């Protein structure tokens, strides 16, 4: 499979991921903590943390310290 196809499959395979993507794209440039994403998406912290790791892996988001 091509890298693009793998990335698209990774992006859209879960409801939590889609909710997070919608929120993040509507708030481009703003920074959020995992707890804030949990509150905004109403998804469990374990799912949000997993999706954050996936987004970092494909270069969609970066960690700010």
N, C-alpha and C. Protein backbone atom coordinates (compact mmCIF):
# COMPACT_ATOMS: atom_id res chain seq x y z
N UNK A 1 0.84 -1.19 0.00
CA UNK A 1 0.00 0.00 0.00
C UNK A 1 0.88 1.25 0.00
N UNK A 2 0.35 2.28 -0.59
CA UNK A 2 1.10 3.53 -0.62
C UNK A 2 1.02 4.22 0.74
N UNK A 3 1.96 5.11 0.98
CA UNK A 3 1.98 5.85 2.24
C UNK A 3 0.72 6.71 2.38
N UNK A 4 0.24 7.30 1.28
CA UNK A 4 -0.95 8.14 1.34
C UNK A 4 -2.17 7.30 1.72
N UNK A 5 -2.32 6.14 1.13
CA UNK A 5 -3.47 5.29 1.45
C UNK A 5 -3.42 4.86 2.91
N UNK A 6 -2.25 4.50 3.40
CA UNK A 6 -2.11 4.12 4.81
C UNK A 6 -2.47 5.29 5.72
N UNK A 7 -2.05 6.48 5.36
CA UNK A 7 -2.34 7.66 6.17
C UNK A 7 -3.83 7.94 6.20
N UNK A 8 -4.51 7.85 5.07
CA UNK A 8 -5.95 8.09 5.02
C UNK A 8 -6.71 7.04 5.82
N UNK A 9 -6.30 5.79 5.71
CA UNK A 9 -6.94 4.74 6.49
C UNK A 9 -6.74 4.99 7.97
N UNK A 10 -5.57 5.41 8.35
CA UNK A 10 -5.29 5.71 9.75
C UNK A 10 -6.12 6.89 10.23
N UNK A 11 -6.31 7.88 9.38
CA UNK A 11 -7.04 9.07 9.78
C UNK A 11 -8.52 8.84 10.03
N UNK A 12 -9.16 7.98 9.26
CA UNK A 12 -10.62 7.90 9.29
C UNK A 12 -11.19 6.57 9.78
N UNK A 13 -10.45 5.80 10.56
CA UNK A 13 -10.97 4.50 10.94
C UNK A 13 -11.74 4.46 12.26
N UNK A 14 -11.79 5.56 13.03
CA UNK A 14 -12.54 5.52 14.28
C UNK A 14 -13.36 6.79 14.49
N UNK A 15 -14.46 6.64 15.20
CA UNK A 15 -15.33 7.78 15.51
C UNK A 15 -14.60 8.83 16.34
N UNK A 16 -13.84 8.38 17.33
CA UNK A 16 -13.10 9.31 18.19
C UNK A 16 -12.11 10.12 17.36
N UNK A 17 -11.45 9.47 16.43
CA UNK A 17 -10.47 10.14 15.57
C UNK A 17 -11.15 11.21 14.72
N UNK A 18 -12.29 10.88 14.15
CA UNK A 18 -13.01 11.84 13.32
C UNK A 18 -13.45 13.04 14.15
N UNK A 19 -13.95 12.80 15.36
CA UNK A 19 -14.36 13.90 16.24
C UNK A 19 -13.16 14.80 16.58
N UNK A 20 -12.03 14.19 16.86
CA UNK A 20 -10.84 14.97 17.18
C UNK A 20 -10.36 15.76 15.98
N UNK A 21 -10.37 15.13 14.80
CA UNK A 21 -9.95 15.84 13.59
C UNK A 21 -10.84 17.04 13.31
N UNK A 22 -12.14 16.86 13.43
CA UNK A 22 -13.07 17.98 13.22
C UNK A 22 -12.74 19.13 14.17
N UNK A 23 -12.57 18.80 15.44
CA UNK A 23 -12.27 19.83 16.43
C UNK A 23 -10.95 20.51 16.12
N UNK A 24 -9.91 19.75 15.85
CA UNK A 24 -8.59 20.32 15.60
C UNK A 24 -8.57 21.19 14.33
N UNK A 25 -9.24 20.73 13.26
CA UNK A 25 -9.26 21.52 12.03
C UNK A 25 -10.10 22.79 12.17
N UNK A 26 -11.07 22.76 13.05
CA UNK A 26 -11.86 23.97 13.31
C UNK A 26 -11.11 24.96 14.21
N UNK A 27 -10.06 24.50 14.84
CA UNK A 27 -9.29 25.33 15.77
C UNK A 27 -7.81 25.31 15.42
N UNK A 28 -7.51 25.41 14.13
CA UNK A 28 -6.12 25.35 13.66
C UNK A 28 -5.31 26.46 14.32
N UNK A 29 -4.12 26.08 14.75
CA UNK A 29 -3.19 27.05 15.35
C UNK A 29 -3.31 27.16 16.85
N UNK A 30 -4.39 26.69 17.40
CA UNK A 30 -4.56 26.73 18.86
C UNK A 30 -3.94 25.48 19.47
N UNK A 31 -3.50 25.59 20.69
CA UNK A 31 -2.94 24.45 21.39
C UNK A 31 -3.93 23.90 22.40
N UNK A 32 -3.91 22.59 22.56
CA UNK A 32 -4.83 21.94 23.49
C UNK A 32 -4.12 20.83 24.23
N UNK A 33 -4.53 20.62 25.47
CA UNK A 33 -4.03 19.48 26.23
C UNK A 33 -4.93 18.28 25.94
N UNK A 34 -4.45 17.11 26.32
CA UNK A 34 -5.26 15.90 26.16
C UNK A 34 -6.57 16.03 26.95
N UNK A 35 -6.49 16.59 28.15
CA UNK A 35 -7.71 16.75 28.96
C UNK A 35 -8.70 17.69 28.29
N UNK A 36 -8.22 18.73 27.63
CA UNK A 36 -9.12 19.64 26.91
C UNK A 36 -9.79 18.92 25.74
N UNK A 37 -9.02 18.09 25.04
CA UNK A 37 -9.60 17.32 23.92
C UNK A 37 -10.64 16.32 24.42
N UNK A 38 -10.40 15.73 25.58
CA UNK A 38 -11.39 14.83 26.17
C UNK A 38 -12.69 15.59 26.43
N UNK A 39 -12.57 16.77 27.02
CA UNK A 39 -13.76 17.57 27.32
C UNK A 39 -14.49 18.00 26.06
N UNK A 40 -13.75 18.40 25.05
CA UNK A 40 -14.37 18.90 23.81
C UNK A 40 -15.00 17.79 22.98
N UNK A 41 -14.40 16.60 22.98
CA UNK A 41 -14.89 15.51 22.14
C UNK A 41 -15.78 14.53 22.89
N UNK A 42 -15.75 14.59 24.22
CA UNK A 42 -16.52 13.65 25.05
C UNK A 42 -16.13 12.21 24.79
N UNK A 43 -14.84 11.99 24.54
CA UNK A 43 -14.30 10.65 24.34
C UNK A 43 -13.41 10.29 25.53
N UNK A 44 -13.24 9.01 25.83
CA UNK A 44 -12.41 8.59 26.95
C UNK A 44 -10.94 9.00 26.77
N UNK A 45 -10.29 9.31 27.88
CA UNK A 45 -8.89 9.75 27.83
C UNK A 45 -7.99 8.72 27.16
N UNK A 46 -8.28 7.44 27.34
CA UNK A 46 -7.43 6.42 26.71
C UNK A 46 -7.50 6.49 25.19
N UNK A 47 -8.69 6.72 24.65
CA UNK A 47 -8.83 6.86 23.20
C UNK A 47 -8.18 8.14 22.70
N UNK A 48 -8.37 9.23 23.44
CA UNK A 48 -7.77 10.51 23.03
C UNK A 48 -6.25 10.39 23.03
N UNK A 49 -5.68 9.80 24.05
CA UNK A 49 -4.22 9.63 24.10
C UNK A 49 -3.72 8.76 22.96
N UNK A 50 -4.46 7.71 22.63
CA UNK A 50 -4.08 6.83 21.52
C UNK A 50 -4.11 7.60 20.20
N UNK A 51 -5.15 8.39 20.00
CA UNK A 51 -5.27 9.16 18.76
C UNK A 51 -4.19 10.24 18.68
N UNK A 52 -3.87 10.85 19.80
CA UNK A 52 -2.79 11.85 19.81
C UNK A 52 -1.49 11.20 19.34
N UNK A 53 -1.19 10.02 19.83
CA UNK A 53 0.02 9.30 19.40
C UNK A 53 -0.02 9.03 17.90
N UNK A 54 -1.18 8.63 17.39
CA UNK A 54 -1.31 8.38 15.95
C UNK A 54 -1.09 9.67 15.15
N UNK A 55 -1.67 10.77 15.61
CA UNK A 55 -1.53 12.05 14.91
C UNK A 55 -0.07 12.51 14.90
N UNK A 56 0.62 12.30 16.00
CA UNK A 56 2.04 12.66 16.07
C UNK A 56 2.84 11.81 15.10
N UNK A 57 2.53 10.51 15.08
CA UNK A 57 3.25 9.56 14.22
C UNK A 57 3.16 9.94 12.74
N UNK A 58 2.01 10.43 12.30
CA UNK A 58 1.87 10.78 10.88
C UNK A 58 2.19 12.25 10.62
N UNK A 59 2.58 12.98 11.66
CA UNK A 59 2.99 14.37 11.49
C UNK A 59 1.86 15.38 11.45
N UNK A 60 0.68 14.99 11.89
CA UNK A 60 -0.47 15.89 11.85
C UNK A 60 -0.41 16.93 12.97
N UNK A 61 0.07 16.53 14.13
CA UNK A 61 0.22 17.46 15.25
C UNK A 61 1.60 17.32 15.85
N UNK A 62 1.97 18.32 16.62
CA UNK A 62 3.26 18.32 17.32
C UNK A 62 3.03 18.62 18.78
N UNK A 63 3.93 18.13 19.60
CA UNK A 63 3.86 18.39 21.03
C UNK A 63 4.56 19.70 21.32
N UNK A 64 3.87 20.56 22.06
CA UNK A 64 4.50 21.80 22.54
C UNK A 64 4.71 21.64 24.04
N UNK A 65 5.83 22.05 24.49
CA UNK A 65 6.11 21.96 25.94
C UNK A 65 6.27 23.33 26.52
